[in-house]
Amino acid sequence: MVTAVNSLKIMDSRTNCTRLIETASKVVLGKEHEIKLALCCLLAEGHLLIEDLPGVGKTTLSHTLAKLLGLDFRRIQFTSDLMPSDILGYSQFDPRTKLLNFQPGPVFTQLILADEINRASPKTQSALLETMEEKQVTVEGKSWPLPSPFFVIATQNPFSQIGTFPLPESQLDRFLMCLQLGYPNAEAERNLLLNTDRSALLELLPVRLNSDELKDAQNEVAQTHVSEALLDYLQAIIRFTREHTGYTTGLSPRAGVALLRASKAWAWLDNRDAVLPEDIQAVLLPVAAHRLRADPTQSREQIIDPILKDVAIPA
């Protein structure tokens, strides 16, 4: 049973999340929907991939979320010569003690921005993606736990650009969501032109949801009710992607879990304690589009359209 104290606590968490989205929207202009999706991803305890052209605000969005959540933040610029040890850390021999001492890498923080992840070699990409799954680093046979919470926001440029190494399907599946920011609308772009220094705004951002409050919100999200009919709808979507001839690869079991978690977070952000079909539809594109293999000439929206049109919504 939800007590009056718990109800007030949940209300406070939701209010703080609403304020976080409103504040972030003053820095990343014209992208309130994408900001809400990014927060939804973190509330669902997932990692986020942002794929878009350089200069549309990918790094600014990542830095804004870190500031508003009060998280320790580090940015790793991925390049072709970046080595796994540059991310994870390495063992260094101490001649005085004649022992190996572990030197932690930049991955030991709460929020990592893996900038232009597809410019690094597949070996270096894999080193980061393993930490996303295991929440620990293993070097020389010994493991070190990563901080909690631990999130990765990775950015990548379109594959048509020179010097990129596309992430394989198995690694793409590690990201709960993949977003595209796109160009700002005319009003937002005018404001950007008149106020170009976003870094000054970043420094002034208040913490809207600290680490403990974030964990509480994640626990509340996990308890969001899901009916049997809603689970039937979710399974019908997964089955459709595996049987439809337009997809060469359907959604994996991990993708199904990701879709459910994201739907719970979206419902919770919309002040509801139960998931509706509309919540699944709201997060379907960022959760599923990067996981489905279809005609490469299709847009992300075109990939998802058959699901929205042909899978019946439960009455």
Protein backbone atom coordinates (compact mmCIF):
# COMPACT_ATOMS: atom_id res chain seq x y z
CA MET A 1 0.00 0.00 0.00
CA VAL A 2 1.26 3.47 -0.86
CA THR A 3 1.43 5.58 2.33
CA ALA A 4 0.83 9.32 2.48
CA VAL A 5 4.56 9.87 3.08
CA ASN A 6 5.48 7.76 0.07
CA SER A 7 2.94 9.60 -2.06
CA LEU A 8 4.51 12.94 -1.15
CA LYS A 9 7.97 11.52 -1.86
CA ILE A 10 6.91 10.32 -5.31
CA MET A 11 5.27 13.68 -5.99
CA ASP A 12 8.48 15.48 -5.03
CA SER A 13 10.55 13.24 -7.30
CA ARG A 14 8.24 13.88 -10.23
CA THR A 15 8.24 17.61 -9.56
CA ASN A 16 12.04 17.64 -9.51
CA CYS A 17 12.14 15.72 -12.80
CA THR A 18 9.72 18.20 -14.37
CA ARG A 19 11.91 21.09 -13.21
CA LEU A 20 14.98 19.28 -14.56
CA ILE A 21 13.41 19.02 -18.03
CA GLU A 22 12.34 22.67 -17.93
CA THR A 23 15.82 23.83 -16.88
CA ALA A 24 17.59 21.66 -19.46
CA SER A 25 15.30 23.08 -22.15
CA LYS A 26 16.75 26.55 -21.45
CA VAL A 27 20.21 25.26 -22.41
CA VAL A 28 19.40 22.76 -25.16
CA LEU A 29 16.84 24.86 -27.01
CA GLY A 30 13.85 23.44 -28.84
CA LYS A 31 14.51 19.85 -27.72
CA GLU A 32 12.20 19.31 -24.74
CA HIS A 33 10.91 15.99 -26.10
CA GLU A 34 14.43 14.63 -26.62
CA ILE A 35 15.47 15.81 -23.14
CA LYS A 36 12.50 13.97 -21.64
CA LEU A 37 13.46 10.81 -23.54
CA ALA A 38 17.06 11.09 -22.32
CA LEU A 39 15.89 11.45 -18.70
CA CYS A 40 13.49 8.56 -19.27
CA CYS A 41 16.46 6.44 -20.34
CA LEU A 42 18.39 7.24 -17.16
CA LEU A 43 15.36 6.61 -14.95
CA ALA A 44 15.05 3.21 -16.62
CA GLU A 45 18.71 2.58 -15.64
CA GLY A 46 19.85 2.41 -19.24
CA HIS A 47 22.66 3.81 -21.35
CA LEU A 48 22.02 6.34 -24.11
CA LEU A 49 23.38 6.63 -27.64
CA ILE A 50 22.96 9.93 -29.50
CA GLU A 51 23.54 9.69 -33.23
CA ASP A 52 23.64 12.90 -35.24
CA LEU A 53 25.76 15.40 -37.12
CA PRO A 54 28.46 17.39 -35.28
CA GLY A 55 27.31 20.65 -33.72
CA VAL A 56 23.64 19.91 -32.99
CA GLY A 57 23.99 19.76 -29.19
CA LYS A 58 24.92 16.15 -28.34
CA THR A 59 27.74 17.10 -25.96
CA THR A 60 25.77 19.99 -24.47
CA LEU A 61 22.82 17.71 -23.66
CA SER A 62 25.12 15.19 -21.94
CA HIS A 63 26.87 17.86 -19.88
CA THR A 64 23.54 19.47 -18.96
CA LEU A 65 22.11 16.22 -17.63
CA ALA A 66 25.25 15.58 -15.56
CA LYS A 67 25.05 19.04 -13.98
CA LEU A 68 21.33 18.87 -13.23
CA LEU A 69 21.69 15.40 -11.71
CA GLY A 70 24.72 16.37 -9.64
CA LEU A 71 26.74 13.48 -11.09
CA ASP A 72 30.50 13.23 -11.42
CA PHE A 73 31.10 13.71 -15.13
CA ARG A 74 33.95 12.93 -17.50
CA ARG A 75 34.24 13.24 -21.23
CA ILE A 76 36.35 10.85 -23.28
CA GLN A 77 37.09 11.94 -26.83
CA PHE A 78 37.24 8.75 -28.88
CA THR A 79 39.90 8.71 -31.60
CA SER A 80 41.38 6.01 -33.81
CA ASP A 81 44.50 5.71 -31.61
CA LEU A 82 42.63 5.45 -28.27
CA MET A 83 43.53 2.24 -26.40
CA PRO A 84 41.37 0.26 -23.91
CA SER A 85 43.79 1.15 -21.11
CA ASP A 86 43.17 4.85 -21.83
CA ILE A 87 39.58 4.24 -20.72
CA LEU A 88 39.75 1.47 -18.13
CA GLY A 89 43.10 2.16 -16.47
CA TYR A 90 46.24 0.07 -16.16
CA SER A 91 48.51 -1.71 -13.68
CA GLN A 92 51.77 0.07 -12.90
CA PHE A 93 54.75 -1.61 -11.27
CA ASP A 94 55.95 0.02 -8.05
CA PRO A 95 59.70 -0.67 -7.66
CA ARG A 96 59.58 0.09 -3.93
CA THR A 97 56.91 -2.46 -3.03
CA LYS A 98 57.55 -4.66 -6.08
CA LEU A 99 53.79 -4.82 -6.55
CA LEU A 100 51.43 -3.82 -9.36
CA ASN A 101 49.25 -0.84 -8.46
CA PHE A 102 46.09 -0.20 -10.41
CA GLN A 103 45.73 3.29 -11.86
CA PRO A 104 42.00 3.90 -12.51
CA GLY A 105 41.01 5.29 -15.89
CA PRO A 106 38.41 7.98 -16.63
CA VAL A 107 35.62 5.38 -16.72
CA PHE A 108 35.57 5.51 -12.91
CA THR A 109 32.93 8.21 -12.68
CA GLN A 110 29.13 8.35 -12.53
CA LEU A 111 28.41 9.67 -16.00
CA ILE A 112 30.70 9.12 -18.97
CA LEU A 113 30.34 10.99 -22.23
CA ALA A 114 31.89 8.75 -24.87
CA ASP A 115 32.21 11.39 -27.56
CA GLU A 116 32.26 10.11 -31.16
CA ILE A 117 32.47 6.50 -30.04
CA ASN A 118 32.45 5.23 -33.62
CA ARG A 119 35.80 6.90 -34.36
CA ALA A 120 37.62 4.44 -32.06
CA SER A 121 38.67 0.93 -33.07
CA PRO A 122 36.30 -1.98 -32.38
CA LYS A 123 38.63 -3.22 -29.61
CA THR A 124 38.43 0.09 -27.75
CA GLN A 125 34.66 0.30 -28.26
CA SER A 126 34.29 -3.17 -26.75
CA ALA A 127 36.29 -2.20 -23.66
CA LEU A 128 33.77 0.52 -22.78
CA LEU A 129 30.71 -1.50 -23.73
CA GLU A 130 31.74 -4.35 -21.41
CA THR A 131 31.77 -1.95 -18.46
CA MET A 132 28.23 -0.87 -19.37
CA GLU A 133 27.00 -4.43 -18.93
CA GLU A 134 29.07 -5.56 -15.96
CA LYS A 135 29.42 -2.26 -14.01
CA GLN A 136 33.01 -3.18 -13.21
CA VAL A 137 36.50 -3.10 -14.71
CA THR A 138 38.71 -6.19 -14.84
CA VAL A 139 42.44 -5.74 -15.35
CA GLU A 140 45.12 -8.40 -14.79
CA GLY A 141 42.45 -10.79 -13.48
CA LYS A 142 41.24 -8.43 -10.75
CA SER A 143 37.92 -6.57 -10.76
CA TRP A 144 37.10 -3.07 -9.51
CA PRO A 145 33.46 -1.94 -9.17
CA LEU A 146 32.37 1.25 -10.91
CA PRO A 147 30.57 4.06 -9.05
CA SER A 148 26.82 3.94 -8.60
CA PRO A 149 24.90 5.23 -10.42
CA PHE A 150 26.89 4.62 -13.59
CA PHE A 151 25.69 5.84 -16.98
CA VAL A 152 27.21 6.05 -20.41
CA ILE A 153 26.01 8.62 -22.92
CA ALA A 154 27.75 7.90 -26.21
CA THR A 155 27.63 10.05 -29.31
CA GLN A 156 28.36 8.95 -32.83
CA ASN A 157 28.50 10.66 -36.18
CA PRO A 158 26.64 9.31 -39.21
CA PHE A 159 28.38 6.33 -40.82
CA SER A 160 28.79 8.28 -44.06
CA GLN A 161 31.45 10.44 -42.42
CA ILE A 162 35.14 9.62 -42.90
CA GLY A 163 36.98 7.61 -40.23
CA THR A 164 34.09 5.86 -38.49
CA PHE A 165 33.82 2.25 -37.27
CA PRO A 166 30.13 1.26 -37.05
CA LEU A 167 29.04 -0.36 -33.79
CA PRO A 168 28.06 -4.01 -34.36
CA GLU A 169 24.50 -5.12 -33.57
CA SER A 170 25.50 -6.88 -30.34
CA GLN A 171 26.98 -3.64 -29.00
CA LEU A 172 24.15 -1.41 -30.20
CA ASP A 173 21.82 -3.64 -28.18
CA ARG A 174 23.61 -2.53 -24.99
CA PHE A 175 22.14 0.98 -25.37
CA LEU A 176 18.62 1.20 -24.02
CA MET A 177 17.86 4.16 -26.30
CA CYS A 178 19.25 5.81 -29.40
CA LEU A 179 18.23 9.43 -30.04
CA GLN A 180 18.66 11.87 -32.87
CA LEU A 181 18.49 15.56 -31.95
CA GLY A 182 18.22 17.03 -35.44
CA TYR A 183 18.42 20.70 -36.33
CA PRO A 184 16.65 23.22 -34.05
CA ASN A 185 13.49 24.93 -35.18
CA ALA A 186 13.67 28.53 -36.41
CA GLU A 187 12.82 30.11 -33.04
CA ALA A 188 15.35 28.02 -31.13
CA GLU A 189 18.04 28.69 -33.70
CA ARG A 190 17.42 32.43 -33.52
CA ASN A 191 17.91 32.29 -29.74
CA LEU A 192 21.11 30.32 -30.25
CA LEU A 193 22.41 32.93 -32.66
CA LEU A 194 21.68 35.74 -30.22
CA ASN A 195 23.06 33.87 -27.18
CA THR A 196 25.87 31.64 -28.42
CA ASP A 197 27.71 31.02 -25.11
CA ARG A 198 26.04 27.91 -23.70
CA SER A 199 29.04 27.06 -21.48
CA ALA A 200 28.27 29.99 -19.19
CA LEU A 201 24.74 28.68 -18.68
CA LEU A 202 26.08 25.20 -17.90
CA GLU A 203 28.22 26.52 -15.06
CA LEU A 204 25.18 28.14 -13.42
CA LEU A 205 22.90 25.10 -13.55
CA PRO A 206 21.53 23.96 -10.17
CA VAL A 207 21.23 20.31 -9.13
CA ARG A 208 17.61 19.34 -9.65
CA LEU A 209 17.87 15.66 -8.67
CA ASN A 210 20.83 14.37 -6.65
CA SER A 211 22.19 10.81 -6.69
CA ASP A 212 20.05 9.57 -3.80
CA GLU A 213 16.90 11.14 -5.25
CA LEU A 214 17.73 9.63 -8.64
CA LYS A 215 17.99 6.16 -7.10
CA ASP A 216 14.66 6.68 -5.30
CA ALA A 217 13.06 7.75 -8.58
CA GLN A 218 14.48 4.68 -10.33
CA ASN A 219 12.98 2.46 -7.62
CA GLU A 220 9.61 4.17 -8.05
CA VAL A 221 9.79 3.66 -11.82
CA ALA A 222 10.51 -0.04 -11.37
CA GLN A 223 7.34 -0.41 -9.29
CA THR A 224 5.08 1.11 -11.96
CA HIS A 225 2.20 -1.31 -12.61
CA VAL A 226 2.02 -3.31 -15.85
CA SER A 227 -1.21 -5.17 -16.64
CA GLU A 228 -1.46 -8.56 -18.35
CA ALA A 229 -3.09 -6.91 -21.38
CA LEU A 230 -0.19 -4.49 -21.65
CA LEU A 231 2.30 -7.37 -21.53
CA ASP A 232 0.29 -9.08 -24.29
CA TYR A 233 0.67 -5.93 -26.41
CA LEU A 234 4.40 -5.77 -25.71
CA GLN A 235 4.87 -9.41 -26.67
CA ALA A 236 2.79 -8.91 -29.81
CA ILE A 237 5.19 -6.12 -30.86
CA ILE A 238 8.24 -8.33 -30.25
CA ARG A 239 6.67 -11.24 -32.14
CA PHE A 240 5.71 -8.97 -35.05
CA THR A 241 9.32 -7.80 -35.51
CA ARG A 242 10.53 -11.40 -35.61
CA GLU A 243 7.92 -12.55 -38.14
CA HIS A 244 7.52 -9.52 -40.43
CA THR A 245 9.36 -9.90 -43.73
CA GLY A 246 10.47 -6.27 -43.62
CA TYR A 247 12.92 -7.00 -40.79
CA THR A 248 15.95 -9.23 -41.21
CA THR A 249 16.47 -9.26 -37.43
CA GLY A 250 13.71 -8.82 -34.87
CA LEU A 251 13.82 -7.54 -31.29
CA SER A 252 15.83 -9.59 -28.81
CA PRO A 253 14.67 -10.54 -25.29
CA ARG A 254 16.97 -7.78 -23.97
CA ALA A 255 15.17 -5.31 -26.25
CA GLY A 256 11.81 -6.43 -24.84
CA VAL A 257 13.01 -5.78 -21.29
CA ALA A 258 14.38 -2.39 -22.38
CA LEU A 259 11.06 -1.45 -23.97
CA LEU A 260 9.19 -2.35 -20.79
CA ARG A 261 11.57 -0.41 -18.54
CA ALA A 262 11.45 2.65 -20.78
CA SER A 263 7.63 2.49 -20.92
CA LYS A 264 7.46 2.43 -17.12
CA ALA A 265 9.73 5.48 -16.92
CA TRP A 266 7.66 7.38 -19.50
CA ALA A 267 4.43 6.59 -17.64
CA TRP A 268 5.99 7.67 -14.34
CA LEU A 269 7.17 10.97 -15.85
CA ASP A 270 3.60 11.53 -17.05
CA ASN A 271 2.35 11.20 -13.45
CA ARG A 272 0.81 7.77 -13.85
CA ASP A 273 1.32 4.63 -11.78
CA ALA A 274 0.40 2.20 -14.56
CA VAL A 275 1.72 1.76 -18.10
CA LEU A 276 -0.60 2.41 -21.06
CA PRO A 277 -0.13 1.30 -24.70
CA GLU A 278 0.59 4.95 -25.51
CA ASP A 279 3.67 4.78 -23.27
CA ILE A 280 5.09 1.88 -25.27
CA GLN A 281 4.39 3.76 -28.49
CA ALA A 282 6.07 6.92 -27.12
CA VAL A 283 9.39 5.15 -26.48
CA LEU A 284 9.23 2.57 -29.28
CA LEU A 285 11.29 4.53 -31.81
CA PRO A 286 14.30 5.35 -29.58
CA VAL A 287 14.29 1.88 -28.00
CA ALA A 288 13.68 -0.27 -31.09
CA ALA A 289 14.84 1.53 -34.26
CA HIS A 290 18.58 1.00 -33.70
CA ARG A 291 18.00 -2.68 -32.89
CA LEU A 292 15.93 -3.61 -35.95
CA ARG A 293 17.66 -4.54 -39.20
CA ALA A 294 15.59 -3.37 -42.16
CA ASP A 295 15.96 -1.67 -45.55
CA PRO A 296 18.99 0.68 -45.07
CA THR A 297 17.30 3.36 -47.18
CA GLN A 298 14.46 3.68 -44.65
CA SER A 299 14.38 6.36 -41.98
CA ARG A 300 14.01 5.42 -38.32
CA GLU A 301 10.37 6.46 -38.46
CA GLN A 302 9.74 4.25 -41.49
CA ILE A 303 11.29 1.30 -39.70
CA ILE A 304 8.86 1.67 -36.78
CA ASP A 305 5.71 2.61 -38.77
CA PRO A 306 4.59 -0.99 -39.58
CA ILE A 307 4.59 -1.84 -35.85
CA LEU A 308 2.43 1.14 -34.95
CA LYS A 309 0.02 0.48 -37.82
CA ASP A 310 -0.32 -3.30 -37.76
CA VAL A 311 -0.01 -4.44 -34.13
CA ALA A 312 -3.43 -4.23 -32.51
CA ILE A 313 -3.76 -2.21 -29.32
CA PRO A 314 -5.55 -4.14 -26.54
CA ALA A 315 -9.08 -2.98 -25.88
